[in-house]
Structures are given as C-alpha cells and as structure tokens.
Amino acid sequence: RRPQQGRGLLARLKQADRDGDGKISKEEAPEPLKQRFDRLDKDGNGLLDADELKQAFQGRRRRQP
C-alpha cells in the first residue's frame, strides 16, 4: 500500500466533514458516497468514520483490474 493513498483518504474525510467531528454524516457525504452510504455504514450509527471509509476504498481497489 502506498502511504499517499491513506493521506488522500484522510484529506477527503476532512474536506467532507463540515462539522469537524471526524465522521461523515449522510448530509455531509458527496453524492456518489450518499448512494452507497447505508451499505458502508457498518455499525448503523448514521455516520461514516475513517475505518468504514478505509474498508470501502480497500474493497474498491481489490475489484479494480
């Protein structure tokens, strides 16, 4: 894994996290993420944290050729 990928994810999280709580609510999520939000919200708390986003992006990378 390249270190830049982790930093990019954190930068995107911070950019979307308008209230600064370290998590992304459905309202804060960019449109493409909103479409998958409920599936990505593994703990069902209505928020996506860094771990949930990391899992989502790791899964996408594995599926890409």
Foldseek 3Di string as FASTA:
>chain_A
DDPVVLVVLQVVQVVLPPVPPQWHALVSDDPVCVVCVCVLPVVPPRIHHSVSVVVVVVVVVVPDD
